[in-house]
N, C-alpha and C. Protein backbone atom coordinates (compact mmCIF):
# COMPACT_ATOMS: atom_id res chain seq x y z
N UNK A 1 38.72 85.04 68.80
CA UNK A 1 40.18 85.15 68.79
C UNK A 1 40.68 84.77 67.39
N UNK A 2 41.50 85.61 66.81
CA UNK A 2 42.08 85.27 65.50
C UNK A 2 42.91 83.99 65.59
N UNK A 3 43.11 83.37 64.45
CA UNK A 3 43.87 82.12 64.42
C UNK A 3 45.17 82.31 63.64
N UNK A 4 46.19 81.54 64.05
CA UNK A 4 47.47 81.54 63.36
C UNK A 4 47.24 81.22 61.88
N UNK A 5 47.95 81.92 61.01
CA UNK A 5 47.91 81.76 59.55
C UNK A 5 46.65 82.32 58.89
N UNK A 6 45.73 82.85 59.67
CA UNK A 6 44.52 83.48 59.11
C UNK A 6 44.76 84.99 59.01
N UNK A 7 44.02 85.68 58.13
CA UNK A 7 44.18 87.13 58.03
C UNK A 7 43.85 87.83 59.35
N UNK A 8 44.66 88.82 59.68
CA UNK A 8 44.41 89.61 60.88
C UNK A 8 43.21 90.52 60.65
N UNK A 9 42.32 90.65 61.63
CA UNK A 9 41.19 91.57 61.47
C UNK A 9 41.69 92.99 61.21
N UNK A 10 41.17 93.61 60.16
CA UNK A 10 41.58 94.96 59.81
C UNK A 10 40.91 95.97 60.74
N UNK A 11 41.53 97.12 60.89
CA UNK A 11 40.97 98.19 61.71
C UNK A 11 41.61 99.52 61.32
N UNK A 12 40.96 100.58 61.74
CA UNK A 12 41.52 101.93 61.68
C UNK A 12 41.27 102.54 63.05
N UNK A 13 42.35 102.97 63.72
CA UNK A 13 42.25 103.57 65.05
C UNK A 13 43.08 104.85 65.11
N UNK A 14 42.65 105.80 65.94
CA UNK A 14 43.46 107.01 66.15
C UNK A 14 44.71 106.67 66.97
N UNK A 15 45.82 107.32 66.60
CA UNK A 15 47.11 107.07 67.25
C UNK A 15 47.53 108.27 68.08
N UNK A 16 48.32 107.99 69.08
CA UNK A 16 48.86 109.04 69.94
C UNK A 16 49.76 110.00 69.19
N UNK A 17 50.24 109.62 68.00
CA UNK A 17 51.10 110.53 67.22
C UNK A 17 50.29 111.48 66.34
N UNK A 18 48.95 111.44 66.47
CA UNK A 18 48.10 112.36 65.73
C UNK A 18 47.58 111.79 64.41
N UNK A 19 48.04 110.62 64.02
CA UNK A 19 47.59 110.02 62.77
C UNK A 19 46.49 109.00 63.04
N UNK A 20 45.99 108.39 61.98
CA UNK A 20 45.13 107.23 62.10
C UNK A 20 45.91 106.05 61.54
N UNK A 21 45.83 104.92 62.20
CA UNK A 21 46.53 103.72 61.76
C UNK A 21 45.51 102.73 61.22
N UNK A 22 45.71 102.33 59.96
CA UNK A 22 44.89 101.30 59.33
C UNK A 22 45.79 100.09 59.11
N UNK A 23 45.43 98.99 59.73
CA UNK A 23 46.29 97.80 59.68
C UNK A 23 46.57 97.36 58.24
N UNK A 24 45.57 97.30 57.39
CA UNK A 24 45.77 96.80 56.03
C UNK A 24 46.75 97.67 55.24
N UNK A 25 46.91 98.92 55.62
CA UNK A 25 47.85 99.81 54.93
C UNK A 25 49.30 99.52 55.32
N UNK A 26 49.49 98.69 56.33
CA UNK A 26 50.84 98.39 56.83
C UNK A 26 51.40 97.10 56.23
N UNK A 27 50.64 96.44 55.33
CA UNK A 27 51.14 95.20 54.73
C UNK A 27 52.50 95.44 54.11
N UNK A 28 53.33 94.42 54.19
CA UNK A 28 54.70 94.54 53.69
C UNK A 28 55.70 94.59 54.83
N UNK A 29 55.20 94.85 56.04
CA UNK A 29 56.03 94.86 57.24
C UNK A 29 55.35 94.05 58.34
N UNK A 30 56.13 93.37 59.17
CA UNK A 30 55.53 92.74 60.34
C UNK A 30 54.97 93.82 61.27
N UNK A 31 53.90 93.50 61.96
CA UNK A 31 53.28 94.42 62.91
C UNK A 31 53.07 93.69 64.22
N UNK A 32 53.47 94.36 65.32
CA UNK A 32 53.25 93.84 66.66
C UNK A 32 52.17 94.70 67.31
N UNK A 33 51.11 94.05 67.77
CA UNK A 33 50.05 94.73 68.51
C UNK A 33 50.08 94.20 69.94
N UNK A 34 50.36 95.07 70.90
CA UNK A 34 50.26 94.61 72.28
C UNK A 34 49.06 95.28 72.93
N UNK A 35 48.10 94.43 73.29
CA UNK A 35 46.87 94.88 73.94
C UNK A 35 47.13 94.89 75.44
N UNK A 36 46.79 95.99 76.10
CA UNK A 36 47.03 96.10 77.53
C UNK A 36 45.83 96.75 78.22
N UNK A 37 45.61 96.41 79.50
CA UNK A 37 44.40 96.86 80.18
C UNK A 37 44.23 98.38 80.37
N UNK A 38 45.26 99.08 80.90
CA UNK A 38 45.07 100.50 81.23
C UNK A 38 46.39 101.24 81.27
N UNK A 39 46.33 102.50 80.86
CA UNK A 39 47.49 103.38 81.00
C UNK A 39 47.82 103.56 82.48
N UNK A 40 49.11 103.71 82.76
CA UNK A 40 49.62 104.05 84.10
C UNK A 40 49.34 103.02 85.18
N UNK A 41 49.14 101.76 84.82
CA UNK A 41 49.08 100.70 85.82
C UNK A 41 50.44 99.99 85.78
N UNK A 42 50.85 99.35 86.86
CA UNK A 42 52.22 98.82 86.93
C UNK A 42 52.64 97.91 85.79
N UNK A 43 51.87 96.86 85.51
CA UNK A 43 52.24 95.93 84.44
C UNK A 43 52.23 96.58 83.07
N UNK A 44 51.23 97.41 82.83
CA UNK A 44 51.11 98.08 81.53
C UNK A 44 52.26 99.07 81.33
N UNK A 45 52.66 99.73 82.40
CA UNK A 45 53.77 100.67 82.31
C UNK A 45 55.07 99.92 81.99
N UNK A 46 55.32 98.83 82.70
CA UNK A 46 56.55 98.05 82.44
C UNK A 46 56.57 97.51 81.01
N UNK A 47 55.43 97.02 80.54
CA UNK A 47 55.36 96.47 79.19
C UNK A 47 55.59 97.57 78.15
N UNK A 48 54.95 98.71 78.32
CA UNK A 48 55.10 99.81 77.36
C UNK A 48 56.52 100.36 77.35
N UNK A 49 57.12 100.46 78.51
CA UNK A 49 58.53 100.90 78.59
C UNK A 49 59.42 99.87 77.90
N UNK A 50 59.16 98.59 78.10
CA UNK A 50 59.96 97.53 77.46
C UNK A 50 59.91 97.62 75.95
N UNK A 51 58.72 97.78 75.38
CA UNK A 51 58.61 97.91 73.93
C UNK A 51 59.29 99.20 73.46
N UNK A 52 59.18 100.27 74.24
CA UNK A 52 59.83 101.53 73.87
C UNK A 52 61.35 101.39 73.88
N UNK A 53 61.87 100.73 74.90
CA UNK A 53 63.33 100.55 74.99
C UNK A 53 63.88 99.72 73.84
N UNK A 54 63.06 98.85 73.27
CA UNK A 54 63.50 97.98 72.18
C UNK A 54 63.01 98.45 70.81
N UNK A 55 62.47 99.66 70.76
CA UNK A 55 61.89 100.14 69.50
C UNK A 55 62.90 100.10 68.35
N UNK A 56 64.13 100.53 68.60
CA UNK A 56 65.13 100.53 67.53
C UNK A 56 65.39 99.12 66.99
N UNK A 57 65.38 98.13 67.87
CA UNK A 57 65.59 96.75 67.44
C UNK A 57 64.42 96.27 66.59
N UNK A 58 63.20 96.66 66.94
CA UNK A 58 62.04 96.29 66.11
C UNK A 58 62.12 96.99 64.76
N UNK A 59 62.50 98.27 64.75
CA UNK A 59 62.65 99.01 63.50
C UNK A 59 63.71 98.35 62.62
N UNK A 60 64.82 97.94 63.23
CA UNK A 60 65.88 97.26 62.48
C UNK A 60 65.38 95.96 61.85
N UNK A 61 64.38 95.35 62.46
CA UNK A 61 63.79 94.11 61.93
C UNK A 61 62.59 94.44 61.02
N UNK A 62 62.46 95.70 60.64
CA UNK A 62 61.37 96.18 59.76
C UNK A 62 59.98 96.01 60.36
N UNK A 63 59.89 95.91 61.67
CA UNK A 63 58.59 95.72 62.32
C UNK A 63 58.07 97.02 62.93
N UNK A 64 56.75 97.15 62.92
CA UNK A 64 56.08 98.27 63.56
C UNK A 64 55.41 97.75 64.82
N UNK A 65 55.45 98.55 65.89
CA UNK A 65 54.89 98.14 67.17
C UNK A 65 53.86 99.18 67.62
N UNK A 66 52.70 98.69 68.05
CA UNK A 66 51.64 99.56 68.54
C UNK A 66 51.04 98.97 69.81
N UNK A 67 50.82 99.82 70.81
CA UNK A 67 50.06 99.41 71.98
C UNK A 67 48.61 99.79 71.77
N UNK A 68 47.70 98.96 72.25
CA UNK A 68 46.26 99.23 72.11
C UNK A 68 45.57 99.01 73.45
N UNK A 69 44.80 100.02 73.86
CA UNK A 69 43.92 99.88 75.02
C UNK A 69 42.66 100.68 74.74
N UNK A 70 41.71 100.64 75.67
CA UNK A 70 40.48 101.40 75.51
C UNK A 70 40.62 102.81 76.08
N UNK A 71 41.81 103.17 76.53
CA UNK A 71 42.02 104.52 77.06
C UNK A 71 41.89 105.55 75.95
N UNK A 72 41.55 106.78 76.31
CA UNK A 72 41.41 107.87 75.36
C UNK A 72 42.78 108.34 74.86
N UNK A 73 42.79 109.08 73.77
CA UNK A 73 44.05 109.66 73.28
C UNK A 73 44.66 110.58 74.32
N UNK A 74 43.82 111.32 75.02
CA UNK A 74 44.31 112.23 76.07
C UNK A 74 45.05 111.44 77.16
N UNK A 75 44.48 110.33 77.57
CA UNK A 75 45.14 109.46 78.56
C UNK A 75 46.45 108.92 78.01
N UNK A 76 46.44 108.48 76.75
CA UNK A 76 47.67 107.97 76.12
C UNK A 76 48.76 109.04 76.10
N UNK A 77 48.39 110.26 75.75
CA UNK A 77 49.38 111.35 75.67
C UNK A 77 50.04 111.60 77.02
N UNK A 78 49.25 111.59 78.09
CA UNK A 78 49.80 111.77 79.44
C UNK A 78 50.71 110.60 79.82
N UNK A 79 50.28 109.38 79.48
CA UNK A 79 51.04 108.17 79.77
C UNK A 79 52.39 108.22 79.05
N UNK A 80 52.37 108.60 77.79
CA UNK A 80 53.60 108.70 76.98
C UNK A 80 54.54 109.75 77.57
N UNK A 81 54.01 110.91 77.91
CA UNK A 81 54.83 112.00 78.46
C UNK A 81 55.43 111.61 79.81
N UNK A 82 54.65 110.98 80.64
CA UNK A 82 55.10 110.61 82.00
C UNK A 82 56.24 109.60 81.96
N UNK A 83 56.21 108.67 80.97
CA UNK A 83 57.19 107.58 80.95
C UNK A 83 58.13 107.62 79.74
N UNK A 84 58.11 108.73 78.99
CA UNK A 84 58.97 108.88 77.80
C UNK A 84 58.84 107.70 76.85
N UNK A 85 57.61 107.28 76.58
CA UNK A 85 57.38 106.15 75.69
C UNK A 85 57.62 106.57 74.24
N UNK A 86 58.12 105.63 73.45
CA UNK A 86 58.41 105.92 72.04
C UNK A 86 57.55 105.11 71.07
N UNK A 87 56.77 104.17 71.58
CA UNK A 87 55.88 103.41 70.69
C UNK A 87 54.53 104.11 70.64
N UNK A 88 53.93 104.18 69.45
CA UNK A 88 52.60 104.79 69.35
C UNK A 88 51.56 103.94 70.07
N UNK A 89 50.63 104.62 70.71
CA UNK A 89 49.53 103.95 71.38
C UNK A 89 48.24 104.27 70.64
N UNK A 90 47.45 103.24 70.38
CA UNK A 90 46.19 103.40 69.65
C UNK A 90 45.02 103.33 70.63
N UNK A 91 44.04 104.18 70.39
CA UNK A 91 42.88 104.26 71.27
C UNK A 91 41.70 103.50 70.67
N UNK A 92 41.27 102.46 71.36
CA UNK A 92 40.11 101.66 70.95
C UNK A 92 38.98 101.91 71.96
N UNK A 93 38.59 103.19 72.09
CA UNK A 93 37.61 103.56 73.12
C UNK A 93 36.30 102.78 73.03
N UNK A 94 35.87 102.43 71.83
CA UNK A 94 34.62 101.69 71.67
C UNK A 94 34.81 100.18 71.84
N UNK A 95 36.05 99.72 71.84
CA UNK A 95 36.33 98.31 72.12
C UNK A 95 36.12 97.35 70.96
N UNK A 96 35.83 97.84 69.78
CA UNK A 96 35.55 96.93 68.66
C UNK A 96 36.78 96.13 68.25
N UNK A 97 37.95 96.75 68.28
CA UNK A 97 39.18 96.02 67.90
C UNK A 97 39.51 95.00 68.99
N UNK A 98 39.36 95.37 70.24
CA UNK A 98 39.59 94.42 71.34
C UNK A 98 38.68 93.20 71.19
N UNK A 99 37.44 93.44 70.81
CA UNK A 99 36.52 92.31 70.61
C UNK A 99 36.92 91.49 69.39
N UNK A 100 37.29 92.16 68.28
CA UNK A 100 37.70 91.43 67.07
C UNK A 100 38.91 90.53 67.32
N UNK A 101 39.80 90.98 68.22
CA UNK A 101 41.00 90.20 68.51
C UNK A 101 40.82 89.27 69.71
N UNK A 102 39.63 89.24 70.28
CA UNK A 102 39.33 88.29 71.35
C UNK A 102 40.01 88.58 72.67
N UNK A 103 40.39 89.84 72.92
CA UNK A 103 41.09 90.16 74.16
C UNK A 103 40.17 90.79 75.21
N UNK A 104 38.93 91.11 74.83
CA UNK A 104 37.95 91.66 75.78
C UNK A 104 37.28 90.48 76.46
N UNK A 105 37.64 90.25 77.73
CA UNK A 105 37.23 89.02 78.41
C UNK A 105 36.72 89.30 79.81
N UNK A 106 36.02 88.29 80.33
CA UNK A 106 35.62 88.37 81.73
C UNK A 106 36.85 88.07 82.57
N UNK A 107 37.09 88.93 83.55
CA UNK A 107 38.23 88.76 84.44
C UNK A 107 37.71 88.63 85.86
N UNK A 108 38.56 88.15 86.75
CA UNK A 108 38.18 87.94 88.13
C UNK A 108 39.30 88.47 89.02
N UNK A 109 38.98 89.46 89.85
CA UNK A 109 39.98 89.99 90.77
C UNK A 109 39.37 90.06 92.17
N UNK A 110 39.99 89.39 93.10
CA UNK A 110 39.52 89.35 94.49
C UNK A 110 38.06 88.91 94.57
N UNK A 111 37.69 87.95 93.72
CA UNK A 111 36.35 87.41 93.73
C UNK A 111 35.32 88.24 92.98
N UNK A 112 35.73 89.39 92.46
CA UNK A 112 34.81 90.23 91.70
C UNK A 112 35.04 90.03 90.22
N UNK A 113 33.95 89.75 89.49
CA UNK A 113 34.05 89.54 88.04
C UNK A 113 33.76 90.84 87.31
N UNK A 114 34.52 91.08 86.25
CA UNK A 114 34.33 92.27 85.44
C UNK A 114 34.90 92.02 84.05
N UNK A 115 34.54 92.86 83.10
CA UNK A 115 35.08 92.75 81.75
C UNK A 115 36.28 93.67 81.61
N UNK A 116 37.30 93.17 80.92
CA UNK A 116 38.51 93.97 80.71
C UNK A 116 39.39 93.35 79.65
N UNK A 117 40.44 94.05 79.32
CA UNK A 117 41.39 93.57 78.32
C UNK A 117 42.34 92.58 78.97
N UNK A 118 42.45 91.40 78.36
CA UNK A 118 43.44 90.42 78.79
C UNK A 118 44.74 90.74 78.06
N UNK A 119 45.79 90.99 78.82
CA UNK A 119 47.08 91.37 78.22
C UNK A 119 47.49 90.30 77.19
N UNK A 120 47.55 90.72 75.93
CA UNK A 120 47.79 89.81 74.82
C UNK A 120 48.64 90.52 73.77
N UNK A 121 49.56 89.81 73.16
CA UNK A 121 50.34 90.37 72.05
C UNK A 121 50.09 89.51 70.81
N UNK A 122 49.91 90.21 69.68
CA UNK A 122 49.66 89.54 68.41
C UNK A 122 50.74 89.99 67.42
N UNK A 123 51.41 89.02 66.81
CA UNK A 123 52.40 89.29 65.77
C UNK A 123 51.76 89.00 64.43
N UNK A 124 51.75 90.02 63.58
CA UNK A 124 51.17 89.90 62.25
C UNK A 124 52.31 89.91 61.24
N UNK A 125 52.34 88.90 60.38
CA UNK A 125 53.39 88.78 59.36
C UNK A 125 53.19 89.85 58.29
N UNK A 126 54.21 90.05 57.47
CA UNK A 126 54.18 91.07 56.43
C UNK A 126 53.04 90.87 55.44
N UNK A 127 52.54 89.63 55.31
CA UNK A 127 51.44 89.37 54.37
C UNK A 127 50.06 89.61 55.00
N UNK A 128 50.04 90.07 56.25
CA UNK A 128 48.77 90.39 56.90
C UNK A 128 48.12 89.24 57.65
N UNK A 129 48.82 88.12 57.75
CA UNK A 129 48.27 86.98 58.50
C UNK A 129 48.86 86.95 59.91
N UNK A 130 48.12 86.31 60.81
CA UNK A 130 48.58 86.16 62.19
C UNK A 130 49.73 85.16 62.22
N UNK A 131 50.87 85.61 62.73
CA UNK A 131 52.04 84.73 62.83
C UNK A 131 52.14 84.07 64.21
N UNK A 132 51.79 84.83 65.25
CA UNK A 132 51.89 84.30 66.61
C UNK A 132 51.01 85.11 67.54
N UNK A 133 50.50 84.45 68.58
CA UNK A 133 49.67 85.11 69.59
C UNK A 133 50.21 84.70 70.96
N UNK A 134 50.39 85.69 71.81
CA UNK A 134 50.78 85.45 73.21
C UNK A 134 49.61 85.89 74.09
N UNK A 135 48.78 84.95 74.56
CA UNK A 135 47.68 85.33 75.47
C UNK A 135 48.19 85.39 76.91
N UNK A 136 47.45 86.09 77.76
CA UNK A 136 47.76 86.16 79.19
C UNK A 136 49.24 86.45 79.43
N UNK A 137 49.74 87.50 78.80
CA UNK A 137 51.16 87.85 78.85
C UNK A 137 51.63 88.14 80.27
N UNK A 138 52.77 87.58 80.61
CA UNK A 138 53.51 87.95 81.81
C UNK A 138 54.65 88.84 81.31
N UNK A 139 54.79 90.02 81.87
CA UNK A 139 55.68 91.05 81.32
C UNK A 139 57.16 90.67 81.31
N UNK A 140 57.74 90.12 82.39
CA UNK A 140 59.18 89.87 82.37
C UNK A 140 59.60 88.94 81.21
N UNK A 141 60.52 89.42 80.38
CA UNK A 141 61.06 88.64 79.27
C UNK A 141 60.18 88.63 78.03
N UNK A 142 58.99 89.21 78.11
CA UNK A 142 58.05 89.13 77.00
C UNK A 142 58.54 89.88 75.76
N UNK A 143 59.03 91.10 75.93
CA UNK A 143 59.45 91.90 74.77
C UNK A 143 60.57 91.18 74.02
N UNK A 144 61.49 90.57 74.73
CA UNK A 144 62.58 89.81 74.09
C UNK A 144 62.03 88.64 73.27
N UNK A 145 61.02 87.95 73.81
CA UNK A 145 60.42 86.81 73.09
C UNK A 145 59.74 87.29 71.81
N UNK A 146 59.06 88.43 71.87
CA UNK A 146 58.39 88.97 70.69
C UNK A 146 59.42 89.39 69.65
N UNK A 147 60.47 90.05 70.09
CA UNK A 147 61.53 90.48 69.16
C UNK A 147 62.18 89.28 68.47
N UNK A 148 62.40 88.22 69.23
CA UNK A 148 62.98 87.00 68.65
C UNK A 148 62.04 86.41 67.59
N UNK A 149 60.74 86.42 67.87
CA UNK A 149 59.76 85.90 66.91
C UNK A 149 59.71 86.77 65.65
N UNK A 150 59.82 88.07 65.80
CA UNK A 150 59.85 88.99 64.64
C UNK A 150 61.06 88.68 63.79
N UNK A 151 62.21 88.53 64.42
CA UNK A 151 63.45 88.26 63.67
C UNK A 151 63.38 86.90 62.95
N UNK A 152 62.60 85.97 63.48
CA UNK A 152 62.50 84.63 62.89
C UNK A 152 61.54 84.59 61.68
N UNK A 153 60.78 85.66 61.46
CA UNK A 153 59.84 85.67 60.33
C UNK A 153 60.56 85.63 59.01
């Protein structure tokens, strides 16, 4: 898991908008990465819609917002179309970025253990260092808390 005030692990991932996103190329602006388990699941849908609804406020604060999961670009495109999402979604199909950010964890559901993404948001300051980490995110009120933290940078 990255640490506050330390450099954020760099990556390049394909984006749902057809581009590739390289974190180090975004220096100069705050970046919000919200890691989520799967497209089209209830919590992930609410979280993605929340970030999309507040996209203009993040842009006004000079921040870029990206969702990251292990879903394919094809899955992301369907998810975006179904829910009119406006934030780009990055595909980490191989899971290397999820591992670098410490969000690929053992989970337990109904007594069954499995590996999956722990819903986590990482705020990266304009200088490329980790400003704040929200592990085990609960969706209600989360987007507002992240926006407040971005504005406080």
